[in-house]
Amino acid sequence: MSGNLVCVGIGMTLGAHICPIAKSYIQEADVVFSGVSNGIVELWIQEMHNDVRSLQQFYSAGKSRNITYSEMVNAMLTEVRAGKKVVGAFYGHPGVFAYAPHRSIELARVEGFDAKMIPGISAEDCLFADLGIDPGKYGCAQFEASQLMFYQRKIDTSAYLILWQVGIAGDQSLEKRSTSKAYRQVLTDLLAEDYSLDHQVILYEAAVLPIDTTRIEKLTLAEFLNAELSQHTTMVIPPSKKMQSNDVILKRLAELDSALQE
């Protein structure tokens, strides 16, 4: 089976985050599929290879993203089956909030082809750096905003809460590119069960082009309702209470320490 597939991450900021091995795979491929939506970023990828095909062609208004993702997978695997060295180049980390890379690699391996993923600097990495957050200090929970709404999840308000894709929160159709204020109200009401409406939150968007300004907008949970959002907007909710010690576990650990010293 001569065809193979490598899905690489190009990072978030144009030209600044790509690692040498990802760039090498792009340059040595037979065909490269671009999973980026910014035209300037795509032109940059085209400078590394003469056969770059955009996966954005599969998106259209009112079309389910599930159909779009399946078409992306089929496009890449068609070339793999033809015996070509195929690279899928995606924003950030190709395994983070990206269905097509995971599914393509899974199916390629099932069919006997070599397939792997090369990590990249993700929006999460940029977020921790830009906001000065250490996820190990208080802990950190992350959810896709709609997932938090659709399922019964427990929120630990002593840890950071990161909600991805708040601009399309509540979309069950997988067809919308944004949802209205009414949907945002449902998310706000859900969060208000654990946080006060005057609790400060942060809206974050990583820079894609070197000339872009990183969005770090601080506002209250109540003000979120009228904020300007895009598909890439992330909400970061800092802890609202202190961590509570687990005295039962601490006592057991102290007993173990004491026994080891005897």
Protein backbone atom coordinates (compact mmCIF):
# COMPACT_ATOMS: atom_id res chain seq x y z
CA MET A 1 0.00 0.00 0.00
CA SER A 2 2.08 2.91 -1.30
CA GLY A 3 -0.29 5.76 -0.40
CA ASN A 4 -0.06 7.42 2.98
CA LEU A 5 -1.61 10.27 4.94
CA VAL A 6 -0.14 12.79 7.36
CA CYS A 7 -2.29 15.45 9.02
CA VAL A 8 -0.15 18.31 10.27
CA GLY A 9 -0.79 21.37 12.41
CA ILE A 10 0.48 24.70 11.08
CA GLY A 11 -0.15 26.53 14.34
CA MET A 12 -2.36 29.56 14.82
CA THR A 13 -0.27 32.55 13.68
CA LEU A 14 0.84 32.62 10.05
CA GLY A 15 4.40 31.38 9.60
CA ALA A 16 5.30 31.70 13.28
CA HIS A 17 4.10 28.41 14.73
CA ILE A 18 4.77 25.72 12.13
CA CYS A 19 7.36 23.16 13.22
CA PRO A 20 10.13 21.91 10.88
CA ILE A 21 8.72 18.39 10.52
CA ALA A 22 5.26 19.68 9.55
CA LYS A 23 6.81 21.96 6.94
CA SER A 24 8.90 19.06 5.62
CA TYR A 25 5.84 16.84 5.17
CA ILE A 26 4.06 19.60 3.25
CA GLN A 27 7.02 20.16 0.95
CA GLU A 28 7.56 16.44 0.24
CA ALA A 29 3.90 15.50 -0.33
CA ASP A 30 2.37 14.59 -3.69
CA VAL A 31 -0.76 16.57 -2.84
CA VAL A 32 -1.63 18.88 0.04
CA PHE A 33 -5.16 19.59 1.29
CA SER A 34 -5.58 22.90 3.07
CA GLY A 35 -8.00 23.01 5.97
CA VAL A 36 -7.67 26.75 6.61
CA SER A 37 -10.27 29.44 5.97
CA ASN A 38 -8.00 32.47 5.65
CA GLY A 39 -6.96 33.22 2.06
CA ILE A 40 -3.61 34.69 3.06
CA VAL A 41 -2.75 31.60 5.10
CA GLU A 42 -3.66 29.40 2.14
CA LEU A 43 -1.41 31.42 -0.17
CA TRP A 44 1.41 30.88 2.32
CA ILE A 45 0.82 27.11 2.21
CA GLN A 46 0.86 27.27 -1.59
CA GLU A 47 4.35 28.75 -1.42
CA MET A 48 5.50 25.44 0.06
CA HIS A 49 3.85 23.19 -2.55
CA ASN A 50 2.52 23.47 -6.09
CA ASP A 51 -0.57 21.28 -5.59
CA VAL A 52 -2.57 22.64 -2.67
CA ARG A 53 -6.31 21.95 -2.69
CA SER A 54 -8.66 23.85 -0.41
CA LEU A 55 -11.10 21.88 1.75
CA GLN A 56 -13.17 25.04 2.18
CA GLN A 57 -14.95 24.24 -1.09
CA PHE A 58 -17.06 21.68 0.77
CA TYR A 59 -18.69 24.27 3.02
CA SER A 60 -21.90 26.00 1.93
CA ALA A 61 -24.73 27.86 3.63
CA GLY A 62 -27.43 25.62 5.11
CA LYS A 63 -25.34 22.48 4.62
CA SER A 64 -24.74 20.19 7.58
CA ARG A 65 -21.15 20.21 8.75
CA ASN A 66 -21.35 16.43 9.05
CA ILE A 67 -21.77 16.21 5.27
CA THR A 68 -18.94 18.69 4.75
CA TYR A 69 -16.58 16.74 6.99
CA SER A 70 -17.38 13.46 5.23
CA GLU A 71 -16.60 15.07 1.88
CA MET A 72 -13.28 16.34 3.22
CA VAL A 73 -12.37 12.84 4.40
CA ASN A 74 -13.33 11.31 1.06
CA ALA A 75 -11.30 13.88 -0.87
CA MET A 76 -8.12 13.08 1.07
CA LEU A 77 -8.61 9.31 1.07
CA THR A 78 -9.28 9.23 -2.67
CA GLU A 79 -5.73 10.46 -3.24
CA VAL A 80 -4.30 8.10 -0.63
CA ARG A 81 -5.98 5.17 -2.36
CA ALA A 82 -4.44 6.34 -5.62
CA GLY A 83 -1.03 5.71 -4.07
CA LYS A 84 -0.08 9.31 -3.30
CA LYS A 85 1.65 10.85 -0.33
CA VAL A 86 -1.11 13.07 1.06
CA VAL A 87 -0.86 15.83 3.64
CA GLY A 88 -3.75 17.58 5.33
CA ALA A 89 -2.66 20.96 6.73
CA PHE A 90 -4.91 22.34 9.45
CA TYR A 91 -4.99 25.34 11.78
CA GLY A 92 -3.43 24.91 15.19
CA HIS A 93 -3.27 21.29 16.26
CA PRO A 94 -4.96 18.98 13.70
CA GLY A 95 -6.43 16.86 16.47
CA VAL A 96 -8.16 19.67 18.36
CA PHE A 97 -11.73 20.49 17.31
CA ALA A 98 -11.12 18.89 13.94
CA TYR A 99 -13.19 15.88 12.86
CA ALA A 100 -11.74 15.36 9.39
CA PRO A 101 -8.13 14.64 10.43
CA HIS A 102 -9.11 12.09 13.07
CA ARG A 103 -11.60 10.32 10.79
CA SER A 104 -9.26 10.34 7.79
CA ILE A 105 -6.42 8.79 9.77
CA GLU A 106 -8.76 6.21 11.30
CA LEU A 107 -10.16 5.09 7.94
CA ALA A 108 -6.76 5.10 6.23
CA ARG A 109 -5.36 2.77 8.89
CA VAL A 110 -8.38 0.46 8.64
CA GLU A 111 -7.71 0.19 4.89
CA GLY A 112 -4.05 -0.67 5.53
CA PHE A 113 -2.39 2.65 4.75
CA ASP A 114 0.20 4.41 6.89
CA ALA A 115 -1.39 7.43 8.53
CA LYS A 116 -0.36 9.70 11.38
CA MET A 117 -0.78 13.12 12.95
CA ILE A 118 1.83 15.79 13.60
CA PRO A 119 0.84 18.16 16.44
CA GLY A 120 0.87 21.91 16.21
CA ILE A 121 0.48 24.95 18.44
CA SER A 122 -3.25 25.15 19.16
CA ALA A 123 -5.58 27.94 20.18
CA GLU A 124 -5.41 26.47 23.69
CA ASP A 125 -1.63 26.93 23.77
CA CYS A 126 -2.00 30.53 22.61
CA LEU A 127 -4.72 31.14 25.17
CA PHE A 128 -2.59 29.97 28.09
CA ALA A 129 0.31 32.14 26.90
CA ASP A 130 -1.71 35.27 26.07
CA LEU A 131 -3.82 35.20 29.25
CA GLY A 132 -1.01 34.10 31.54
CA ILE A 133 -2.94 31.06 32.76
CA ASP A 134 -1.25 28.01 34.24
CA PRO A 135 -3.85 25.21 34.01
CA GLY A 136 -2.05 23.34 36.76
CA LYS A 137 -2.51 26.08 39.36
CA TYR A 138 -6.25 25.76 39.96
CA GLY A 139 -7.16 23.13 37.40
CA CYS A 140 -8.95 23.67 34.12
CA ALA A 141 -12.07 22.21 32.51
CA GLN A 142 -12.84 22.67 28.83
CA PHE A 143 -16.03 22.09 26.88
CA GLU A 144 -17.40 22.92 23.49
CA ALA A 145 -20.13 25.40 24.43
CA SER A 146 -22.97 23.47 22.81
CA GLN A 147 -21.83 20.23 24.44
CA LEU A 148 -22.07 21.89 27.83
CA MET A 149 -25.64 22.88 26.97
CA PHE A 150 -26.74 19.53 25.51
CA TYR A 151 -25.50 17.30 28.33
CA GLN A 152 -25.53 17.33 32.10
CA ARG A 153 -21.98 18.29 32.99
CA LYS A 154 -20.64 19.29 36.39
CA ILE A 155 -18.89 22.64 36.68
CA ASP A 156 -16.14 23.12 39.27
CA THR A 157 -16.16 26.84 39.97
CA SER A 158 -12.82 26.63 41.80
CA ALA A 159 -11.13 25.84 38.47
CA TYR A 160 -10.91 27.70 35.16
CA LEU A 161 -13.72 26.93 32.74
CA ILE A 162 -12.98 27.31 29.02
CA LEU A 163 -15.88 27.24 26.54
CA TRP A 164 -15.00 26.89 22.89
CA GLN A 165 -17.13 28.12 19.97
CA VAL A 166 -19.54 30.24 22.01
CA GLY A 167 -20.53 32.01 18.79
CA ILE A 168 -22.47 28.94 17.64
CA ALA A 169 -23.62 27.84 21.09
CA GLY A 170 -26.83 25.82 21.01
CA ASP A 171 -26.75 24.87 17.33
CA GLN A 172 -28.19 21.37 16.98
CA SER A 173 -28.45 21.45 13.18
CA LEU A 174 -24.69 21.67 12.51
CA GLU A 175 -25.65 24.10 9.74
CA LYS A 176 -25.37 27.52 11.40
CA ARG A 177 -22.29 29.74 11.32
CA SER A 178 -23.64 31.71 14.28
CA THR A 179 -26.52 31.57 16.71
CA SER A 180 -28.71 34.41 17.91
CA LYS A 181 -28.93 36.21 21.23
CA ALA A 182 -31.78 33.90 22.26
CA TYR A 183 -29.43 30.91 22.14
CA ARG A 184 -26.80 32.88 24.01
CA GLN A 185 -29.36 33.63 26.69
CA VAL A 186 -29.83 29.89 27.25
CA LEU A 187 -26.07 29.49 27.75
CA THR A 188 -25.97 32.49 30.08
CA ASP A 189 -28.83 31.12 32.16
CA LEU A 190 -27.05 27.78 32.42
CA LEU A 191 -23.81 29.41 33.58
CA ALA A 192 -25.74 31.62 36.02
CA GLU A 193 -26.64 28.47 37.95
CA ASP A 194 -22.99 28.35 39.08
CA TYR A 195 -21.70 31.91 38.60
CA SER A 196 -23.10 35.32 39.50
CA LEU A 197 -24.04 37.55 36.58
CA ASP A 198 -21.43 40.10 37.69
CA HIS A 199 -18.62 37.50 37.61
CA GLN A 200 -15.91 38.59 35.18
CA VAL A 201 -15.32 36.44 32.10
CA ILE A 202 -12.89 36.81 29.19
CA LEU A 203 -13.60 36.59 25.46
CA TYR A 204 -10.53 35.38 23.62
CA GLU A 205 -9.47 35.06 19.97
CA ALA A 206 -5.93 34.08 18.98
CA ALA A 207 -4.10 36.07 16.30
CA VAL A 208 -4.04 34.35 12.89
CA LEU A 209 -2.02 36.95 10.98
CA PRO A 210 1.04 38.71 12.45
CA ILE A 211 -0.80 42.02 12.02
CA ASP A 212 -3.87 40.77 13.92
CA THR A 213 -4.61 41.94 17.44
CA THR A 214 -5.23 39.18 19.94
CA ARG A 215 -8.68 39.62 21.43
CA ILE A 216 -8.70 39.69 25.23
CA GLU A 217 -11.98 41.31 26.24
CA LYS A 218 -13.01 41.30 29.89
CA LEU A 219 -16.68 41.70 30.72
CA THR A 220 -19.29 40.37 33.10
CA LEU A 221 -21.33 37.27 32.45
CA ALA A 222 -24.40 39.52 32.07
CA GLU A 223 -22.60 41.63 29.42
CA PHE A 224 -21.77 38.50 27.41
CA LEU A 225 -25.32 38.55 26.06
CA ASN A 226 -24.60 41.64 23.93
CA ALA A 227 -20.97 40.94 23.04
CA GLU A 228 -19.76 40.61 19.46
CA LEU A 229 -18.89 36.98 18.71
CA SER A 230 -17.34 35.02 15.85
CA GLN A 231 -17.01 31.31 15.21
CA HIS A 232 -13.56 31.46 16.79
CA THR A 233 -14.51 33.25 20.01
CA THR A 234 -13.66 31.40 23.21
CA MET A 235 -15.00 32.23 26.66
CA VAL A 236 -12.71 31.85 29.65
CA ILE A 237 -14.30 31.89 33.10
CA PRO A 238 -11.83 32.33 35.98
CA PRO A 239 -12.49 30.57 39.30
CA SER A 240 -15.23 32.14 41.41
CA LYS A 241 -14.37 30.40 44.68
CA LYS A 242 -11.36 28.95 46.45
CA MET A 243 -10.47 25.29 46.33
CA GLN A 244 -11.79 23.37 49.35
CA SER A 245 -9.41 20.94 51.02
CA ASN A 246 -10.39 17.27 51.10
CA ASP A 247 -9.75 16.61 54.79
CA VAL A 248 -10.64 12.92 54.59
CA ILE A 249 -8.05 12.21 51.92
CA LEU A 250 -5.46 14.45 53.57
CA LYS A 251 -5.86 12.50 56.80
CA ARG A 252 -5.35 9.17 55.02
CA LEU A 253 -2.24 10.50 53.29
CA ALA A 254 -0.86 11.81 56.59
CA GLU A 255 -1.36 8.35 58.11
CA LEU A 256 0.54 6.78 55.20
CA ASP A 257 3.38 9.27 55.63
CA SER A 258 3.51 8.52 59.35
CA ALA A 259 3.59 4.76 58.77
CA LEU A 260 6.50 5.08 56.31
CA GLN A 261 8.51 7.01 58.90
CA GLU A 262 8.14 4.32 61.58
